[in-house]
Amino acid sequence: MKQMYKIFQIDEAEALKIGASPDEPHDHDFEELIIGMEGSLEHFIDFKSTTFDAPFVSFVTKGKVHRVIPRLRNDKCKMWVHRFNSEFIPETTFQLYSYYHDHANIVMKPGNNFNRLVSLSEMVSDEMQKSDTDYGVVKNLLSTLFAMIESERKKSETGEGIQKTQNITFKNFLKILEENYHRPEGVEFYAEKLFMSSRNLNLICRNILQMSVSEIIETRKLIEAKNLLVNSDKPVSEISFELGYNEKAYFSSVFKKKSGQTPTEFRDEMRKLVS
């Protein structure tokens, strides 16, 4: 996905079109949020298929294998779809991984709380249709949208035992990471903060996100690097130093290995897309 963010709506005609020739289960390089006002959604994720009726919220993180098929219910279907790159709202994206990795779909109650999510989506859509779109406004609205969804999710959260304990540990790790990713700290630092071994922290991260602690740290740095490259005029050397890299050359090497472009090439391409 080349665009940093896009929003569109699925209606009855689009739902019938998708249902007639659905995709195979796949992953994608962007985050996706679906807010269903009418109709139902058939969702294959985590190797099982579930169908649920609107109103609902469904969030799929980057790289997770899934398939969604919107369906008509009472001859109606209406859904907002938000798609965005991880670096669009980096301060929020990593928290979403812990919130939704095992609860991609949330069936909601109709009423004012759900209607607020729809209203926010409409506000985002209105802003995106302007000739002079303010992406700062879009970011804030999207972050608010997820904050409201998280508030609703907490009200219905259940679960005990090992899975719940791992979720709490993972959330705590992400919180500590958010405060320290700009420092040159490794796995041991985070494990000590959580009063556990590096091995156990790695096991939890692999179980939840299919990534090692080191990979998650590097990914968080990369997301912030992309954010700074797009939204600031700071030199690459300064961004490198801010993210805990001692040498600009090493930072550029890691960046190119992960993204396929040098920091400067990425900055130039993104600015052309935004403009």
C-alpha atoms as a PDB file:
ATOM      1  CA  MET A   1       0.000   0.000   0.000  1.00  0.00           C
ATOM      2  CA  LYS A   2       1.695   3.174  -1.205  1.00  0.00           C
ATOM      3  CA  GLN A   3      -0.731   5.623   0.383  1.00  0.00           C
ATOM      4  CA  MET A   4      -0.194   6.416   4.064  1.00  0.00           C
ATOM      5  CA  TYR A   5      -3.947   6.305   4.699  1.00  0.00           C
ATOM      6  CA  LYS A   6      -7.190   5.695   2.828  1.00  0.00           C
ATOM      7  CA  ILE A   7     -10.864   5.312   3.751  1.00  0.00           C
ATOM      8  CA  PHE A   8     -13.721   3.900   1.700  1.00  0.00           C
ATOM      9  CA  GLN A   9     -17.181   2.432   2.162  1.00  0.00           C
ATOM     10  CA  ILE A  10     -18.571  -0.983   1.265  1.00  0.00           C
ATOM     11  CA  ASP A  11     -22.221  -0.953   0.170  1.00  0.00           C
ATOM     12  CA  GLU A  12     -24.624  -3.633  -1.081  1.00  0.00           C
ATOM     13  CA  ALA A  13     -23.232  -3.669  -4.634  1.00  0.00           C
ATOM     14  CA  GLU A  14     -19.617  -3.944  -3.464  1.00  0.00           C
ATOM     15  CA  ALA A  15     -20.515  -6.686  -0.965  1.00  0.00           C
ATOM     16  CA  LEU A  16     -22.164  -8.755  -3.705  1.00  0.00           C
ATOM     17  CA  LYS A  17     -19.151  -8.226  -5.956  1.00  0.00           C
ATOM     18  CA  ILE A  18     -16.678  -9.370  -3.272  1.00  0.00           C
ATOM     19  CA  GLY A  19     -18.885 -12.311  -2.283  1.00  0.00           C
ATOM     20  CA  ALA A  20     -19.104 -13.511  -5.891  1.00  0.00           C
ATOM     21  CA  SER A  21     -15.316 -13.875  -6.185  1.00  0.00           C
ATOM     22  CA  PRO A  22     -13.719 -13.730  -2.711  1.00  0.00           C
ATOM     23  CA  ASP A  23      -9.957 -13.581  -2.222  1.00  0.00           C
ATOM     24  CA  GLU A  24      -7.989 -16.491  -0.877  1.00  0.00           C
ATOM     25  CA  PRO A  25      -6.724 -16.075   2.720  1.00  0.00           C
ATOM     26  CA  HIS A  26      -3.827 -13.606   2.549  1.00  0.00           C
ATOM     27  CA  ASP A  27      -1.810 -11.067   4.509  1.00  0.00           C
ATOM     28  CA  HIS A  28      -1.158  -7.428   3.653  1.00  0.00           C
ATOM     29  CA  ASP A  29       1.411  -4.727   4.354  1.00  0.00           C
ATOM     30  CA  PHE A  30      -1.008  -2.320   6.035  1.00  0.00           C
ATOM     31  CA  GLU A  31      -3.337  -2.159   9.038  1.00  0.00           C
ATOM     32  CA  GLU A  32      -7.084  -2.467   8.401  1.00  0.00           C
ATOM     33  CA  LEU A  33     -10.063  -1.392  10.501  1.00  0.00           C
ATOM     34  CA  ILE A  34     -13.629  -2.243   9.447  1.00  0.00           C
ATOM     35  CA  ILE A  35     -16.642  -0.663  11.144  1.00  0.00           C
ATOM     36  CA  GLY A  36     -19.854  -2.433  10.200  1.00  0.00           C
ATOM     37  CA  MET A  37     -23.128  -0.509  10.466  1.00  0.00           C
ATOM     38  CA  GLU A  38     -25.321  -2.868   8.417  1.00  0.00           C
ATOM     39  CA  GLY A  39     -24.954  -6.377   7.008  1.00  0.00           C
ATOM     40  CA  SER A  40     -22.655  -9.088   8.319  1.00  0.00           C
ATOM     41  CA  LEU A  41     -19.034 -10.116   7.941  1.00  0.00           C
ATOM     42  CA  GLU A  42     -17.582 -13.552   7.292  1.00  0.00           C
ATOM     43  CA  HIS A  43     -14.079 -13.406   8.705  1.00  0.00           C
ATOM     44  CA  PHE A  44     -11.436 -16.115   8.376  1.00  0.00           C
ATOM     45  CA  ILE A  45      -8.592 -15.429  10.812  1.00  0.00           C
ATOM     46  CA  ASP A  46      -6.383 -17.527  13.094  1.00  0.00           C
ATOM     47  CA  PHE A  47      -7.338 -20.563  10.969  1.00  0.00           C
ATOM     48  CA  LYS A  48     -11.032 -20.411  11.739  1.00  0.00           C
ATOM     49  CA  SER A  49     -14.003 -18.725  10.105  1.00  0.00           C
ATOM     50  CA  THR A  50     -16.640 -16.700  11.985  1.00  0.00           C
ATOM     51  CA  THR A  51     -19.684 -14.811  10.726  1.00  0.00           C
ATOM     52  CA  PHE A  52     -21.212 -12.022  12.802  1.00  0.00           C
ATOM     53  CA  ASP A  53     -23.809  -9.306  12.274  1.00  0.00           C
ATOM     54  CA  ALA A  54     -23.486  -5.531  12.498  1.00  0.00           C
ATOM     55  CA  PRO A  55     -22.844  -3.485  14.483  1.00  0.00           C
ATOM     56  CA  PHE A  56     -19.230  -4.660  14.814  1.00  0.00           C
ATOM     57  CA  VAL A  57     -15.611  -3.583  14.694  1.00  0.00           C
ATOM     58  CA  SER A  58     -12.901  -5.703  13.071  1.00  0.00           C
ATOM     59  CA  PHE A  59      -9.204  -4.875  13.137  1.00  0.00           C
ATOM     60  CA  VAL A  60      -6.491  -6.845  11.345  1.00  0.00           C
ATOM     61  CA  THR A  61      -2.840  -6.098  11.975  1.00  0.00           C
ATOM     62  CA  LYS A  62      -0.217  -6.022   9.265  1.00  0.00           C
ATOM     63  CA  GLY A  63       1.023  -9.479   8.257  1.00  0.00           C
ATOM     64  CA  LYS A  64      -1.817 -11.505   9.786  1.00  0.00           C
ATOM     65  CA  VAL A  65      -3.342 -14.082   7.419  1.00  0.00           C
ATOM     66  CA  HIS A  66      -7.069 -13.534   7.022  1.00  0.00           C
ATOM     67  CA  ARG A  67      -9.988 -13.126   4.610  1.00  0.00           C
ATOM     68  CA  VAL A  68     -13.081 -10.968   4.960  1.00  0.00           C
ATOM     69  CA  ILE A  69     -16.286 -11.359   2.976  1.00  0.00           C
ATOM     70  CA  PRO A  70     -19.007  -8.737   3.570  1.00  0.00           C
ATOM     71  CA  ARG A  71     -22.526 -10.137   3.358  1.00  0.00           C
ATOM     72  CA  LEU A  72     -25.987  -8.633   3.004  1.00  0.00           C
ATOM     73  CA  ARG A  73     -28.373  -8.889   5.942  1.00  0.00           C
ATOM     74  CA  ASN A  74     -31.979  -7.891   5.375  1.00  0.00           C
ATOM     75  CA  ASP A  75     -30.765  -6.834   1.908  1.00  0.00           C
ATOM     76  CA  LYS A  76     -28.470  -4.204   3.435  1.00  0.00           C
ATOM     77  CA  CYS A  77     -24.736  -3.731   3.854  1.00  0.00           C
ATOM     78  CA  LYS A  78     -22.815  -0.657   4.930  1.00  0.00           C
ATOM     79  CA  MET A  79     -19.281  -0.645   6.297  1.00  0.00           C
ATOM     80  CA  TRP A  80     -16.454   1.863   6.700  1.00  0.00           C
ATOM     81  CA  VAL A  81     -12.963   0.572   5.920  1.00  0.00           C
ATOM     82  CA  HIS A  82      -9.857   2.382   7.214  1.00  0.00           C
ATOM     83  CA  ARG A  83      -6.463   1.315   5.833  1.00  0.00           C
ATOM     84  CA  PHE A  84      -3.190   2.847   6.950  1.00  0.00           C
ATOM     85  CA  ASN A  85       0.522   2.201   7.136  1.00  0.00           C
ATOM     86  CA  SER A  86       2.032   1.487  10.550  1.00  0.00           C
ATOM     87  CA  GLU A  87       3.980   4.744  10.580  1.00  0.00           C
ATOM     88  CA  PHE A  88       0.840   6.840  10.050  1.00  0.00           C
ATOM     89  CA  ILE A  89      -0.008   6.704  13.781  1.00  0.00           C
ATOM     90  CA  PRO A  90       3.123   5.048  15.247  1.00  0.00           C
ATOM     91  CA  GLU A  91       2.275   6.054  18.822  1.00  0.00           C
ATOM     92  CA  THR A  92      -0.926   3.954  18.580  1.00  0.00           C
ATOM     93  CA  THR A  93      -0.140   1.124  16.170  1.00  0.00           C
ATOM     94  CA  PHE A  94       1.936  -1.047  18.499  1.00  0.00           C
ATOM     95  CA  GLN A  95      -0.702  -0.873  21.219  1.00  0.00           C
ATOM     96  CA  LEU A  96      -3.222  -2.188  18.694  1.00  0.00           C
ATOM     97  CA  TYR A  97      -1.143  -5.322  18.229  1.00  0.00           C
ATOM     98  CA  SER A  98      -1.601  -6.258  21.879  1.00  0.00           C
ATOM     99  CA  TYR A  99      -5.277  -5.290  21.977  1.00  0.00           C
ATOM    100  CA  TYR A 100      -6.382  -7.192  18.898  1.00  0.00           C
ATOM    101  CA  HIS A 101      -3.965 -10.049  18.271  1.00  0.00           C
ATOM    102  CA  ASP A 102      -6.422 -12.574  19.722  1.00  0.00           C
ATOM    103  CA  HIS A 103      -9.650 -10.542  19.477  1.00  0.00           C
ATOM    104  CA  ALA A 104      -9.799  -9.253  15.915  1.00  0.00           C
ATOM    105  CA  ASN A 105     -13.585  -8.906  15.944  1.00  0.00           C
ATOM    106  CA  ILE A 106     -15.756  -7.087  18.463  1.00  0.00           C
ATOM    107  CA  VAL A 107     -19.530  -7.374  18.183  1.00  0.00           C
ATOM    108  CA  MET A 108     -20.995  -4.177  19.635  1.00  0.00           C
ATOM    109  CA  LYS A 109     -24.335  -3.008  20.928  1.00  0.00           C
ATOM    110  CA  PRO A 110     -26.296  -0.496  18.837  1.00  0.00           C
ATOM    111  CA  GLY A 111     -26.612   2.942  20.364  1.00  0.00           C
ATOM    112  CA  ASN A 112     -24.747   6.160  21.013  1.00  0.00           C
ATOM    113  CA  ASN A 113     -21.351   4.606  21.741  1.00  0.00           C
ATOM    114  CA  PHE A 114     -21.251   2.794  18.396  1.00  0.00           C
ATOM    115  CA  ASN A 115     -22.769   5.765  16.581  1.00  0.00           C
ATOM    116  CA  ARG A 116     -19.808   7.876  17.719  1.00  0.00           C
ATOM    117  CA  LEU A 117     -17.475   5.529  15.818  1.00  0.00           C
ATOM    118  CA  VAL A 118     -19.558   6.010  12.686  1.00  0.00           C
ATOM    119  CA  SER A 119     -19.567   9.778  13.138  1.00  0.00           C
ATOM    120  CA  LEU A 120     -15.774   9.853  13.497  1.00  0.00           C
ATOM    121  CA  SER A 121     -15.415   7.783  10.323  1.00  0.00           C
ATOM    122  CA  GLU A 122     -17.653  10.239   8.502  1.00  0.00           C
ATOM    123  CA  MET A 123     -15.531  13.142   9.747  1.00  0.00           C
ATOM    124  CA  VAL A 124     -12.378  11.409   8.502  1.00  0.00           C
ATOM    125  CA  SER A 125     -13.993  10.774   5.119  1.00  0.00           C
ATOM    126  CA  ASP A 126     -15.035  14.419   4.839  1.00  0.00           C
ATOM    127  CA  GLU A 127     -11.481  15.571   5.622  1.00  0.00           C
ATOM    128  CA  MET A 128      -9.963  13.164   3.080  1.00  0.00           C
ATOM    129  CA  GLN A 129     -12.209  14.506   0.330  1.00  0.00           C
ATOM    130  CA  LYS A 130     -10.913  18.050   0.736  1.00  0.00           C
ATOM    131  CA  SER A 131      -8.412  19.321  -1.824  1.00  0.00           C
ATOM    132  CA  ASP A 132      -6.197  20.495   1.043  1.00  0.00           C
ATOM    133  CA  THR A 133      -6.546  17.465   3.354  1.00  0.00           C
ATOM    134  CA  ASP A 134      -5.005  18.055   6.781  1.00  0.00           C
ATOM    135  CA  TYR A 135      -3.424  14.699   7.656  1.00  0.00           C
ATOM    136  CA  GLY A 136      -2.818  15.919  11.203  1.00  0.00           C
ATOM    137  CA  VAL A 137      -6.593  16.105  11.670  1.00  0.00           C
ATOM    138  CA  VAL A 138      -6.994  12.638  10.138  1.00  0.00           C
ATOM    139  CA  LYS A 139      -4.379  11.180  12.500  1.00  0.00           C
ATOM    140  CA  ASN A 140      -6.053  12.669  15.555  1.00  0.00           C
ATOM    141  CA  LEU A 141      -9.495  11.457  14.508  1.00  0.00           C
ATOM    142  CA  LEU A 142      -8.170   7.949  13.837  1.00  0.00           C
ATOM    143  CA  SER A 143      -6.386   7.839  17.203  1.00  0.00           C
ATOM    144  CA  THR A 144      -9.603   8.978  18.918  1.00  0.00           C
ATOM    145  CA  LEU A 145     -11.527   6.309  17.050  1.00  0.00           C
ATOM    146  CA  PHE A 146      -9.240   3.574  18.387  1.00  0.00           C
ATOM    147  CA  ALA A 147      -9.370   5.023  21.918  1.00  0.00           C
ATOM    148  CA  MET A 148     -13.167   4.769  21.855  1.00  0.00           C
ATOM    149  CA  ILE A 149     -13.049   1.227  20.482  1.00  0.00           C
ATOM    150  CA  GLU A 150     -10.605   0.222  23.205  1.00  0.00           C
ATOM    151  CA  SER A 151     -12.929   1.662  25.837  1.00  0.00           C
ATOM    152  CA  GLU A 152     -15.752  -0.518  24.504  1.00  0.00           C
ATOM    153  CA  ARG A 153     -13.491  -3.566  24.246  1.00  0.00           C
ATOM    154  CA  LYS A 154     -12.506  -3.316  27.896  1.00  0.00           C
ATOM    155  CA  LYS A 155     -16.159  -3.457  28.946  1.00  0.00           C
ATOM    156  CA  SER A 156     -16.563  -6.885  27.345  1.00  0.00           C
ATOM    157  CA  GLU A 157     -13.098  -8.301  28.027  1.00  0.00           C
ATOM    158  CA  THR A 158     -13.030 -11.759  29.571  1.00  0.00           C
ATOM    159  CA  GLY A 159     -10.505 -14.541  29.962  1.00  0.00           C
ATOM    160  CA  GLU A 160      -8.343 -16.095  32.631  1.00  0.00           C
ATOM    161  CA  GLY A 161      -5.163 -18.081  32.989  1.00  0.00           C
ATOM    162  CA  ILE A 162      -1.970 -18.192  30.947  1.00  0.00           C
ATOM    163  CA  GLN A 163      -3.323 -16.343  27.902  1.00  0.00           C
ATOM    164  CA  LYS A 164      -4.482 -13.406  30.018  1.00  0.00           C
ATOM    165  CA  THR A 165      -1.155 -13.296  31.878  1.00  0.00           C
ATOM    166  CA  GLN A 166       0.778 -13.277  28.609  1.00  0.00           C
ATOM    167  CA  ASN A 167      -1.422 -10.495  27.248  1.00  0.00           C
ATOM    168  CA  ILE A 168      -0.752  -8.352  30.318  1.00  0.00           C
ATOM    169  CA  THR A 169       3.012  -8.987  30.091  1.00  0.00           C
ATOM    170  CA  PHE A 170       3.031  -8.139  26.396  1.00  0.00           C
ATOM    171  CA  LYS A 171       1.099  -4.911  26.965  1.00  0.00           C
ATOM    172  CA  ASN A 172       3.534  -3.940  29.724  1.00  0.00           C
ATOM    173  CA  PHE A 173       6.463  -4.669  27.403  1.00  0.00           C
ATOM    174  CA  LEU A 174       4.976  -2.421  24.708  1.00  0.00           C
ATOM    175  CA  LYS A 175       4.419   0.327  27.250  1.00  0.00           C
ATOM    176  CA  ILE A 176       8.063   0.173  28.360  1.00  0.00           C
ATOM    177  CA  LEU A 177       9.157  -0.017  24.720  1.00  0.00           C
ATOM    178  CA  GLU A 178       7.183   3.126  23.920  1.00  0.00           C
ATOM    179  CA  GLU A 179       9.130   4.977  26.604  1.00  0.00           C
ATOM    180  CA  ASN A 180      12.568   3.620  25.635  1.00  0.00           C
ATOM    181  CA  TYR A 181      12.694   2.610  21.943  1.00  0.00           C
ATOM    182  CA  HIS A 182      14.830   5.680  21.173  1.00  0.00           C
ATOM    183  CA  ARG A 183      17.561   4.340  23.449  1.00  0.00           C
ATOM    184  CA  PRO A 184      20.169   1.702  22.441  1.00  0.00           C
ATOM    185  CA  GLU A 185      18.693  -0.952  24.757  1.00  0.00           C
ATOM    186  CA  GLY A 186      18.453  -4.677  24.047  1.00  0.00           C
ATOM    187  CA  VAL A 187      16.343  -7.636  25.155  1.00  0.00           C
ATOM    188  CA  GLU A 188      17.922  -7.892  28.610  1.00  0.00           C
ATOM    189  CA  PHE A 189      16.910  -4.333  29.484  1.00  0.00           C
ATOM    190  CA  TYR A 190      13.216  -5.009  28.825  1.00  0.00           C
ATOM    191  CA  ALA A 191      13.275  -8.444  30.476  1.00  0.00           C
ATOM    192  CA  GLU A 192      14.752  -6.938  33.654  1.00  0.00           C
ATOM    193  CA  LYS A 193      12.103  -4.214  33.697  1.00  0.00           C
ATOM    194  CA  LEU A 194       9.456  -6.962  33.588  1.00  0.00           C
ATOM    195  CA  PHE A 195      11.242  -9.121  36.218  1.00  0.00           C
ATOM    196  CA  MET A 196      11.559 -12.081  33.887  1.00  0.00           C
ATOM    197  CA  SER A 197      14.130 -13.869  31.741  1.00  0.00           C
ATOM    198  CA  SER A 198      14.936 -12.821  28.187  1.00  0.00           C
ATOM    199  CA  ARG A 199      13.930 -16.303  27.045  1.00  0.00           C
ATOM    200  CA  ASN A 200      10.426 -16.065  28.506  1.00  0.00           C
ATOM    201  CA  LEU A 201       9.886 -12.574  27.103  1.00  0.00           C
ATOM    202  CA  ASN A 202      10.934 -13.817  23.669  1.00  0.00           C
ATOM    203  CA  LEU A 203       8.530 -16.766  23.953  1.00  0.00           C
ATOM    204  CA  ILE A 204       5.612 -14.453  24.779  1.00  0.00           C
ATOM    205  CA  CYS A 205       6.441 -12.071  21.913  1.00  0.00           C
ATOM    206  CA  ARG A 206       6.738 -14.919  19.419  1.00  0.00           C
ATOM    207  CA  ASN A 207       3.460 -16.408  20.628  1.00  0.00           C
ATOM    208  CA  ILE A 208       1.588 -13.128  20.234  1.00  0.00           C
ATOM    209  CA  LEU A 209       3.272 -11.295  17.364  1.00  0.00           C
ATOM    210  CA  GLN A 210       5.415 -14.039  15.773  1.00  0.00           C
ATOM    211  CA  MET A 211       8.465 -11.808  16.262  1.00  0.00           C
ATOM    212  CA  SER A 212      11.415 -11.848  18.653  1.00  0.00           C
ATOM    213  CA  VAL A 213      11.917  -9.006  21.142  1.00  0.00           C
ATOM    214  CA  SER A 214      14.818  -7.678  19.045  1.00  0.00           C
ATOM    215  CA  GLU A 215      12.671  -7.686  15.910  1.00  0.00           C
ATOM    216  CA  ILE A 216       9.893  -5.799  17.690  1.00  0.00           C
ATOM    217  CA  ILE A 217      12.341  -3.188  19.013  1.00  0.00           C
ATOM    218  CA  GLU A 218      13.841  -2.746  15.544  1.00  0.00           C
ATOM    219  CA  THR A 219      10.398  -2.526  13.960  1.00  0.00           C
ATOM    220  CA  ARG A 220       9.307   0.159  16.435  1.00  0.00           C
ATOM    221  CA  LYS A 221      12.443   2.163  15.656  1.00  0.00           C
ATOM    222  CA  LEU A 222      11.769   1.775  11.939  1.00  0.00           C
ATOM    223  CA  ILE A 223       8.173   2.970  12.274  1.00  0.00           C
ATOM    224  CA  GLU A 224       9.313   6.079  14.141  1.00  0.00           C
ATOM    225  CA  ALA A 225      12.113   6.657  11.637  1.00  0.00           C
ATOM    226  CA  LYS A 226       9.561   6.628   8.795  1.00  0.00           C
ATOM    227  CA  ASN A 227       7.316   8.963  10.769  1.00  0.00           C
ATOM    228  CA  LEU A 228      10.146  11.457  11.284  1.00  0.00           C
ATOM    229  CA  LEU A 229      11.305  11.205   7.679  1.00  0.00           C
ATOM    230  CA  VAL A 230       7.812  12.013   6.398  1.00  0.00           C
ATOM    231  CA  ASN A 231       6.712  14.571   8.982  1.00  0.00           C
ATOM    232  CA  SER A 232       9.896  16.492   9.770  1.00  0.00           C
ATOM    233  CA  ASP A 233      12.835  18.095   7.981  1.00  0.00           C
ATOM    234  CA  LYS A 234      15.404  16.601  10.348  1.00  0.00           C
ATOM    235  CA  PRO A 235      18.553  15.292   8.646  1.00  0.00           C
ATOM    236  CA  VAL A 236      18.959  11.523   8.473  1.00  0.00           C
ATOM    237  CA  SER A 237      21.946  11.752  10.812  1.00  0.00           C
ATOM    238  CA  GLU A 238      19.846  13.499  13.480  1.00  0.00           C
ATOM    239  CA  ILE A 239      17.042  10.950  13.179  1.00  0.00           C
ATOM    240  CA  SER A 240      19.608   8.176  13.480  1.00  0.00           C
ATOM    241  CA  PHE A 241      20.986   9.683  16.700  1.00  0.00           C
ATOM    242  CA  GLU A 242      17.489  10.237  18.147  1.00  0.00           C
ATOM    243  CA  LEU A 243      16.688   6.544  17.708  1.00  0.00           C
ATOM    244  CA  GLY A 244      19.801   5.317  19.502  1.00  0.00           C
ATOM    245  CA  TYR A 245      22.029   4.482  16.535  1.00  0.00           C
ATOM    246  CA  ASN A 246      25.643   5.516  16.985  1.00  0.00           C
ATOM    247  CA  GLU A 247      26.376   5.673  13.269  1.00  0.00           C
ATOM    248  CA  LYS A 248      24.300   7.072  10.418  1.00  0.00           C
ATOM    249  CA  ALA A 249      25.714   4.444   8.043  1.00  0.00           C
ATOM    250  CA  TYR A 250      24.526   1.581  10.260  1.00  0.00           C
ATOM    251  CA  PHE A 251      21.074   3.146  10.620  1.00  0.00           C
ATOM    252  CA  SER A 252      20.811   3.559   6.832  1.00  0.00           C
ATOM    253  CA  SER A 253      21.894  -0.061   6.342  1.00  0.00           C
ATOM    254  CA  VAL A 254      19.262  -1.378   8.764  1.00  0.00           C
ATOM    255  CA  PHE A 255      16.598   0.873   7.246  1.00  0.00           C
ATOM    256  CA  LYS A 256      17.323  -0.309   3.705  1.00  0.00           C
ATOM    257  CA  LYS A 257      17.403  -3.955   4.770  1.00  0.00           C
ATOM    258  CA  LYS A 258      13.979  -3.640   6.401  1.00  0.00           C
ATOM    259  CA  SER A 259      12.219  -1.359   3.904  1.00  0.00           C
ATOM    260  CA  GLY A 260      14.081  -1.893   0.632  1.00  0.00           C
ATOM    261  CA  GLN A 261      14.978   1.810   0.372  1.00  0.00           C
ATOM    262  CA  THR A 262      17.483   4.185   1.903  1.00  0.00           C
ATOM    263  CA  PRO A 263      16.010   6.752   4.331  1.00  0.00           C
ATOM    264  CA  THR A 264      16.421   9.507   1.736  1.00  0.00           C
ATOM    265  CA  GLU A 265      14.731   7.449  -1.001  1.00  0.00           C
ATOM    266  CA  PHE A 266      11.830   6.679   1.329  1.00  0.00           C
ATOM    267  CA  ARG A 267      11.444  10.362   2.315  1.00  0.00           C
ATOM    268  CA  ASP A 268      11.412  11.507  -1.313  1.00  0.00           C
ATOM    269  CA  GLU A 269       8.855   8.871  -2.379  1.00  0.00           C
ATOM    270  CA  MET A 270       6.481   9.532   0.539  1.00  0.00           C
ATOM    271  CA  ARG A 271       6.543  13.276   0.030  1.00  0.00           C
ATOM    272  CA  LYS A 272       5.672  12.855  -3.620  1.00  0.00           C
ATOM    273  CA  LEU A 273       2.706  10.638  -2.638  1.00  0.00           C
ATOM    274  CA  VAL A 274       1.446  13.043   0.032  1.00  0.00           C
ATOM    275  CA  SER A 275       1.757  16.055  -2.252  1.00  0.00           C
END
